[in-house]
């Protein structure tokens, strides 16, 4: 099985606050018990105002993101206007729904957290592997480490938290999963989405080498 078709054990987090949306993810990609990539990118910018986190079969996810970018660019060209986050989320939902139901020797399992900003404000969506789409008003987590991340989110999320507080909580939630989920690890990436645009934070890397 090639690296592009492995399934990623993952912890991804999305938090909606009054100032923006925070997306965070670990950086470990696995194939069974083997780590195939220590610094995999699991947060992808789709447009100037939209980004997604990924979990699932890498090859399917890469294709879906390429198709989504192409369709959104085509729609923007045809309508001469920006695409709303809801439109993009519904389009990706349709793609995931069709992808999981086609016959394949490799199950095309993919899950996305979608964060973005448009004229209607800030948005956060959870796109489940079966194609179902849920609008999130506070926080969400996906992947193999989500049960651990959700514990931290449940305990420390506040409705009126600032972007800085949400950033700190997102890192804390992913780090909690890193301590217990063997398929998550090696680092934490964070992306901040505000009306000013999308800002990728400097990556945090966890070194595990032990000197002899």
C-alpha atoms as a PDB file:
ATOM      1  CA  UNK A   1       0.000   0.000   0.000  1.00  0.00           C
ATOM      2  CA  UNK A   2       1.495   3.347  -1.007  1.00  0.00           C
ATOM      3  CA  UNK A   3       1.845   6.356   1.240  1.00  0.00           C
ATOM      4  CA  UNK A   4      -0.883   8.187  -0.682  1.00  0.00           C
ATOM      5  CA  UNK A   5      -3.486   5.540   0.187  1.00  0.00           C
ATOM      6  CA  UNK A   6      -2.760   5.127   3.898  1.00  0.00           C
ATOM      7  CA  UNK A   7      -5.317   6.010   6.513  1.00  0.00           C
ATOM      8  CA  UNK A   8      -4.252   8.707   8.926  1.00  0.00           C
ATOM      9  CA  UNK A   9      -4.760   8.254  12.624  1.00  0.00           C
ATOM     10  CA  UNK A  10      -5.589  11.843  13.435  1.00  0.00           C
ATOM     11  CA  UNK A  11      -6.664  14.459  15.918  1.00  0.00           C
ATOM     12  CA  UNK A  12      -8.216  17.589  14.430  1.00  0.00           C
ATOM     13  CA  UNK A  13     -10.018  20.385  16.253  1.00  0.00           C
ATOM     14  CA  UNK A  14     -12.179  23.320  15.242  1.00  0.00           C
ATOM     15  CA  UNK A  15     -13.218  26.129  17.603  1.00  0.00           C
ATOM     16  CA  UNK A  16     -15.593  29.005  16.832  1.00  0.00           C
ATOM     17  CA  UNK A  17     -15.169  32.147  18.917  1.00  0.00           C
ATOM     18  CA  UNK A  18     -16.333  35.752  18.634  1.00  0.00           C
ATOM     19  CA  UNK A  19     -13.223  36.885  16.759  1.00  0.00           C
ATOM     20  CA  UNK A  20     -12.581  33.977  14.418  1.00  0.00           C
ATOM     21  CA  UNK A  21     -12.247  30.258  13.813  1.00  0.00           C
ATOM     22  CA  UNK A  22      -9.298  28.178  15.025  1.00  0.00           C
ATOM     23  CA  UNK A  23      -8.366  24.929  13.267  1.00  0.00           C
ATOM     24  CA  UNK A  24      -5.713  22.658  14.782  1.00  0.00           C
ATOM     25  CA  UNK A  25      -4.341  19.205  13.996  1.00  0.00           C
ATOM     26  CA  UNK A  26      -1.536  16.825  14.845  1.00  0.00           C
ATOM     27  CA  UNK A  27       1.033  15.952  12.160  1.00  0.00           C
ATOM     28  CA  UNK A  28       1.410  12.146  12.291  1.00  0.00           C
ATOM     29  CA  UNK A  29       0.270   9.942   9.381  1.00  0.00           C
ATOM     30  CA  UNK A  30       0.149   6.199   9.985  1.00  0.00           C
ATOM     31  CA  UNK A  31      -0.311   2.923   8.127  1.00  0.00           C
ATOM     32  CA  UNK A  32      -1.322   0.389  10.730  1.00  0.00           C
ATOM     33  CA  UNK A  33       1.378   0.589  13.406  1.00  0.00           C
ATOM     34  CA  UNK A  34       3.930   2.315  11.160  1.00  0.00           C
ATOM     35  CA  UNK A  35       4.450   6.078  11.077  1.00  0.00           C
ATOM     36  CA  UNK A  36       4.797   6.967   7.393  1.00  0.00           C
ATOM     37  CA  UNK A  37       5.014  10.753   7.846  1.00  0.00           C
ATOM     38  CA  UNK A  38       5.890  12.635  11.024  1.00  0.00           C
ATOM     39  CA  UNK A  39       4.983  16.058   9.646  1.00  0.00           C
ATOM     40  CA  UNK A  40       1.928  15.539   7.468  1.00  0.00           C
ATOM     41  CA  UNK A  41      -0.115  18.637   6.698  1.00  0.00           C
ATOM     42  CA  UNK A  42      -3.674  18.090   7.892  1.00  0.00           C
ATOM     43  CA  UNK A  43      -4.982  21.660   7.543  1.00  0.00           C
ATOM     44  CA  UNK A  44      -5.444  22.855   3.971  1.00  0.00           C
ATOM     45  CA  UNK A  45      -6.365  26.323   2.741  1.00  0.00           C
ATOM     46  CA  UNK A  46      -8.987  26.030   0.006  1.00  0.00           C
ATOM     47  CA  UNK A  47      -9.719  29.700  -0.742  1.00  0.00           C
ATOM     48  CA  UNK A  48      -8.735  33.076   0.709  1.00  0.00           C
ATOM     49  CA  UNK A  49     -11.469  32.709   3.333  1.00  0.00           C
ATOM     50  CA  UNK A  50     -11.850  28.943   3.786  1.00  0.00           C
ATOM     51  CA  UNK A  51      -9.722  26.117   5.208  1.00  0.00           C
ATOM     52  CA  UNK A  52     -10.354  22.481   6.129  1.00  0.00           C
ATOM     53  CA  UNK A  53      -8.864  19.855   8.405  1.00  0.00           C
ATOM     54  CA  UNK A  54      -8.602  16.295   7.135  1.00  0.00           C
ATOM     55  CA  UNK A  55      -8.906  12.774   8.504  1.00  0.00           C
ATOM     56  CA  UNK A  56      -9.186   9.484   6.626  1.00  0.00           C
ATOM     57  CA  UNK A  57      -7.780   7.949   3.450  1.00  0.00           C
ATOM     58  CA  UNK A  58      -5.150  10.332   2.112  1.00  0.00           C
ATOM     59  CA  UNK A  59      -5.551   9.626  -1.610  1.00  0.00           C
ATOM     60  CA  UNK A  60      -9.304  10.283  -1.559  1.00  0.00           C
ATOM     61  CA  UNK A  61      -8.857  13.404   0.552  1.00  0.00           C
ATOM     62  CA  UNK A  62      -6.237  14.836  -1.809  1.00  0.00           C
ATOM     63  CA  UNK A  63      -8.495  14.270  -4.816  1.00  0.00           C
ATOM     64  CA  UNK A  64     -11.546  15.755  -3.083  1.00  0.00           C
ATOM     65  CA  UNK A  65      -9.632  18.906  -2.141  1.00  0.00           C
ATOM     66  CA  UNK A  66      -8.337  19.312  -5.714  1.00  0.00           C
ATOM     67  CA  UNK A  67     -11.869  18.904  -7.086  1.00  0.00           C
ATOM     68  CA  UNK A  68     -13.292  21.316  -4.519  1.00  0.00           C
ATOM     69  CA  UNK A  69     -10.744  24.016  -5.400  1.00  0.00           C
ATOM     70  CA  UNK A  70     -11.428  23.576  -9.112  1.00  0.00           C
ATOM     71  CA  UNK A  71     -15.217  23.734  -8.707  1.00  0.00           C
ATOM     72  CA  UNK A  72     -15.052  26.806  -6.466  1.00  0.00           C
ATOM     73  CA  UNK A  73     -12.766  28.610  -8.904  1.00  0.00           C
ATOM     74  CA  UNK A  74     -15.102  27.732 -11.778  1.00  0.00           C
ATOM     75  CA  UNK A  75     -18.142  28.919  -9.824  1.00  0.00           C
ATOM     76  CA  UNK A  76     -16.399  32.183  -8.961  1.00  0.00           C
ATOM     77  CA  UNK A  77     -15.528  32.704 -12.626  1.00  0.00           C
ATOM     78  CA  UNK A  78     -19.084  31.993 -13.807  1.00  0.00           C
ATOM     79  CA  UNK A  79     -20.908  34.085 -11.181  1.00  0.00           C
ATOM     80  CA  UNK A  80     -18.305  36.839 -10.740  1.00  0.00           C
ATOM     81  CA  UNK A  81     -18.723  36.689  -6.949  1.00  0.00           C
ATOM     82  CA  UNK A  82     -17.134  35.002  -3.978  1.00  0.00           C
ATOM     83  CA  UNK A  83     -18.414  31.629  -2.813  1.00  0.00           C
ATOM     84  CA  UNK A  84     -19.969  31.481   0.652  1.00  0.00           C
ATOM     85  CA  UNK A  85     -18.702  29.022   3.241  1.00  0.00           C
ATOM     86  CA  UNK A  86     -22.080  27.302   3.236  1.00  0.00           C
ATOM     87  CA  UNK A  87     -21.947  26.784  -0.538  1.00  0.00           C
ATOM     88  CA  UNK A  88     -18.450  25.317  -0.310  1.00  0.00           C
ATOM     89  CA  UNK A  89     -19.425  23.073   2.601  1.00  0.00           C
ATOM     90  CA  UNK A  90     -22.488  21.748   0.760  1.00  0.00           C
ATOM     91  CA  UNK A  91     -20.437  21.097  -2.377  1.00  0.00           C
ATOM     92  CA  UNK A  92     -17.803  19.131  -0.437  1.00  0.00           C
ATOM     93  CA  UNK A  93     -20.589  17.275   1.362  1.00  0.00           C
ATOM     94  CA  UNK A  94     -22.001  16.129  -1.983  1.00  0.00           C
ATOM     95  CA  UNK A  95     -18.547  14.959  -3.064  1.00  0.00           C
ATOM     96  CA  UNK A  96     -17.986  12.960   0.131  1.00  0.00           C
ATOM     97  CA  UNK A  97     -21.467  11.423  -0.115  1.00  0.00           C
ATOM     98  CA  UNK A  98     -20.788  10.212  -3.654  1.00  0.00           C
ATOM     99  CA  UNK A  99     -17.234   9.093  -2.886  1.00  0.00           C
ATOM    100  CA  UNK A 100     -18.103   6.818   0.036  1.00  0.00           C
ATOM    101  CA  UNK A 101     -20.850   5.074  -1.961  1.00  0.00           C
ATOM    102  CA  UNK A 102     -18.861   4.072  -5.012  1.00  0.00           C
ATOM    103  CA  UNK A 103     -17.326   0.597  -5.206  1.00  0.00           C
ATOM    104  CA  UNK A 104     -13.605   0.498  -4.445  1.00  0.00           C
ATOM    105  CA  UNK A 105     -11.083  -1.989  -3.083  1.00  0.00           C
ATOM    106  CA  UNK A 106      -9.810   0.844  -0.858  1.00  0.00           C
ATOM    107  CA  UNK A 107     -12.595   2.431   1.237  1.00  0.00           C
ATOM    108  CA  UNK A 108     -12.715   6.157   0.512  1.00  0.00           C
ATOM    109  CA  UNK A 109     -13.267   7.288   4.084  1.00  0.00           C
ATOM    110  CA  UNK A 110     -12.788  11.011   4.631  1.00  0.00           C
ATOM    111  CA  UNK A 111     -13.825  13.501   7.303  1.00  0.00           C
ATOM    112  CA  UNK A 112     -13.418  17.260   7.218  1.00  0.00           C
ATOM    113  CA  UNK A 113     -13.805  20.165   9.595  1.00  0.00           C
ATOM    114  CA  UNK A 114     -14.565  23.299   7.562  1.00  0.00           C
ATOM    115  CA  UNK A 115     -13.863  26.793   8.863  1.00  0.00           C
ATOM    116  CA  UNK A 116     -14.340  30.057   7.054  1.00  0.00           C
ATOM    117  CA  UNK A 117     -15.536  33.631   6.860  1.00  0.00           C
ATOM    118  CA  UNK A 118     -17.851  35.407   4.416  1.00  0.00           C
ATOM    119  CA  UNK A 119     -20.326  38.302   4.304  1.00  0.00           C
ATOM    120  CA  UNK A 120     -22.596  36.415   6.693  1.00  0.00           C
ATOM    121  CA  UNK A 121     -19.893  36.054   9.358  1.00  0.00           C
ATOM    122  CA  UNK A 122     -17.796  33.213  10.767  1.00  0.00           C
ATOM    123  CA  UNK A 123     -18.689  29.575  10.121  1.00  0.00           C
ATOM    124  CA  UNK A 124     -17.640  26.137  11.361  1.00  0.00           C
ATOM    125  CA  UNK A 125     -18.919  22.833   9.926  1.00  0.00           C
ATOM    126  CA  UNK A 126     -18.352  19.164  10.672  1.00  0.00           C
ATOM    127  CA  UNK A 127     -18.454  16.990   7.540  1.00  0.00           C
ATOM    128  CA  UNK A 128     -18.799  13.345   8.569  1.00  0.00           C
ATOM    129  CA  UNK A 129     -17.481  10.425   6.440  1.00  0.00           C
ATOM    130  CA  UNK A 130     -21.029   9.513   5.284  1.00  0.00           C
ATOM    131  CA  UNK A 131     -21.486  12.965   3.721  1.00  0.00           C
ATOM    132  CA  UNK A 132     -23.661  14.431   6.470  1.00  0.00           C
ATOM    133  CA  UNK A 133     -22.983  18.091   7.244  1.00  0.00           C
ATOM    134  CA  UNK A 134     -23.460  19.722  10.645  1.00  0.00           C
ATOM    135  CA  UNK A 135     -23.131  23.433  11.440  1.00  0.00           C
ATOM    136  CA  UNK A 136     -21.129  23.873  14.653  1.00  0.00           C
ATOM    137  CA  UNK A 137     -21.747  26.756  17.060  1.00  0.00           C
ATOM    138  CA  UNK A 138     -18.878  26.116  19.470  1.00  0.00           C
ATOM    139  CA  UNK A 139     -16.294  23.368  18.895  1.00  0.00           C
ATOM    140  CA  UNK A 140     -15.757  20.017  17.205  1.00  0.00           C
ATOM    141  CA  UNK A 141     -13.076  17.345  16.947  1.00  0.00           C
ATOM    142  CA  UNK A 142     -12.503  14.455  14.535  1.00  0.00           C
ATOM    143  CA  UNK A 143     -10.149  11.528  14.086  1.00  0.00           C
ATOM    144  CA  UNK A 144      -8.857   8.725  16.274  1.00  0.00           C
ATOM    145  CA  UNK A 145      -7.848  11.089  19.084  1.00  0.00           C
ATOM    146  CA  UNK A 146     -11.072  13.098  19.118  1.00  0.00           C
ATOM    147  CA  UNK A 147     -12.454  11.453  22.263  1.00  0.00           C
ATOM    148  CA  UNK A 148      -9.475  12.780  24.237  1.00  0.00           C
ATOM    149  CA  UNK A 149      -9.537  16.223  22.602  1.00  0.00           C
ATOM    150  CA  UNK A 150     -13.252  16.591  23.305  1.00  0.00           C
ATOM    151  CA  UNK A 151     -12.621  16.072  27.017  1.00  0.00           C
ATOM    152  CA  UNK A 152     -10.358  19.136  27.078  1.00  0.00           C
ATOM    153  CA  UNK A 153     -12.783  21.128  24.924  1.00  0.00           C
ATOM    154  CA  UNK A 154     -15.771  20.255  27.129  1.00  0.00           C
ATOM    155  CA  UNK A 155     -13.902  21.335  30.254  1.00  0.00           C
ATOM    156  CA  UNK A 156     -12.378  24.609  29.081  1.00  0.00           C
ATOM    157  CA  UNK A 157     -14.451  26.076  26.229  1.00  0.00           C
ATOM    158  CA  UNK A 158     -16.154  29.416  26.940  1.00  0.00           C
ATOM    159  CA  UNK A 159     -18.722  31.017  24.652  1.00  0.00           C
ATOM    160  CA  UNK A 160     -17.154  34.489  24.788  1.00  0.00           C
ATOM    161  CA  UNK A 161     -13.519  33.419  24.583  1.00  0.00           C
ATOM    162  CA  UNK A 162     -11.078  35.495  22.562  1.00  0.00           C
ATOM    163  CA  UNK A 163      -9.145  34.268  19.540  1.00  0.00           C
ATOM    164  CA  UNK A 164      -5.994  33.975  21.657  1.00  0.00           C
ATOM    165  CA  UNK A 165      -7.854  31.878  24.232  1.00  0.00           C
ATOM    166  CA  UNK A 166      -9.343  29.666  21.516  1.00  0.00           C
ATOM    167  CA  UNK A 167      -5.870  29.218  20.004  1.00  0.00           C
ATOM    168  CA  UNK A 168      -4.481  28.125  23.360  1.00  0.00           C
ATOM    169  CA  UNK A 169      -7.394  25.729  23.940  1.00  0.00           C
ATOM    170  CA  UNK A 170      -7.046  24.163  20.494  1.00  0.00           C
ATOM    171  CA  UNK A 171      -3.382  23.401  21.165  1.00  0.00           C
ATOM    172  CA  UNK A 172      -4.267  22.024  24.587  1.00  0.00           C
ATOM    173  CA  UNK A 173      -6.974  19.766  23.135  1.00  0.00           C
ATOM    174  CA  UNK A 174      -4.712  18.302  20.439  1.00  0.00           C
ATOM    175  CA  UNK A 175      -1.862  17.901  22.919  1.00  0.00           C
ATOM    176  CA  UNK A 176      -4.182  15.971  25.248  1.00  0.00           C
ATOM    177  CA  UNK A 177      -4.884  13.522  22.424  1.00  0.00           C
ATOM    178  CA  UNK A 178      -1.160  13.236  21.667  1.00  0.00           C
ATOM    179  CA  UNK A 179      -0.612  11.892  25.175  1.00  0.00           C
ATOM    180  CA  UNK A 180      -3.069   8.980  24.773  1.00  0.00           C
ATOM    181  CA  UNK A 181      -3.745   8.262  21.089  1.00  0.00           C
ATOM    182  CA  UNK A 182      -0.927   6.258  19.477  1.00  0.00           C
ATOM    183  CA  UNK A 183      -2.000   7.323  15.975  1.00  0.00           C
ATOM    184  CA  UNK A 184      -1.627  11.050  16.752  1.00  0.00           C
ATOM    185  CA  UNK A 185       1.656  12.776  17.431  1.00  0.00           C
ATOM    186  CA  UNK A 186       4.909  14.483  16.383  1.00  0.00           C
ATOM    187  CA  UNK A 187       3.587  18.030  16.210  1.00  0.00           C
ATOM    188  CA  UNK A 188       0.692  20.479  16.182  1.00  0.00           C
ATOM    189  CA  UNK A 189      -0.346  22.816  13.366  1.00  0.00           C
ATOM    190  CA  UNK A 190      -2.759  25.718  13.889  1.00  0.00           C
ATOM    191  CA  UNK A 191      -4.584  27.973  11.418  1.00  0.00           C
ATOM    192  CA  UNK A 192      -6.480  31.124  12.434  1.00  0.00           C
ATOM    193  CA  UNK A 193      -9.383  32.354  10.290  1.00  0.00           C
ATOM    194  CA  UNK A 194     -10.654  35.909  10.794  1.00  0.00           C
ATOM    195  CA  UNK A 195     -12.257  38.627   8.636  1.00  0.00           C
ATOM    196  CA  UNK A 196      -8.678  39.690   7.833  1.00  0.00           C
ATOM    197  CA  UNK A 197      -7.917  36.336   6.194  1.00  0.00           C
ATOM    198  CA  UNK A 198      -6.218  33.034   7.006  1.00  0.00           C
ATOM    199  CA  UNK A 199      -3.043  32.907   9.079  1.00  0.00           C
ATOM    200  CA  UNK A 200      -1.013  29.728   9.527  1.00  0.00           C
ATOM    201  CA  UNK A 201       0.870  29.682  12.825  1.00  0.00           C
ATOM    202  CA  UNK A 202       4.495  28.499  13.156  1.00  0.00           C
ATOM    203  CA  UNK A 203       4.385  24.685  13.511  1.00  0.00           C
ATOM    204  CA  UNK A 204       5.158  23.060  16.846  1.00  0.00           C
ATOM    205  CA  UNK A 205       7.353  19.970  16.557  1.00  0.00           C
ATOM    206  CA  UNK A 206       7.842  17.307  19.215  1.00  0.00           C
ATOM    207  CA  UNK A 207      11.275  15.730  19.117  1.00  0.00           C
ATOM    208  CA  UNK A 208      11.616  12.225  20.569  1.00  0.00           C
ATOM    209  CA  UNK A 209      15.241  11.390  19.823  1.00  0.00           C
ATOM    210  CA  UNK A 210      17.170  10.159  22.845  1.00  0.00           C
ATOM    211  CA  UNK A 211      20.902  10.649  22.906  1.00  0.00           C
ATOM    212  CA  UNK A 212      22.926   7.510  23.699  1.00  0.00           C
END
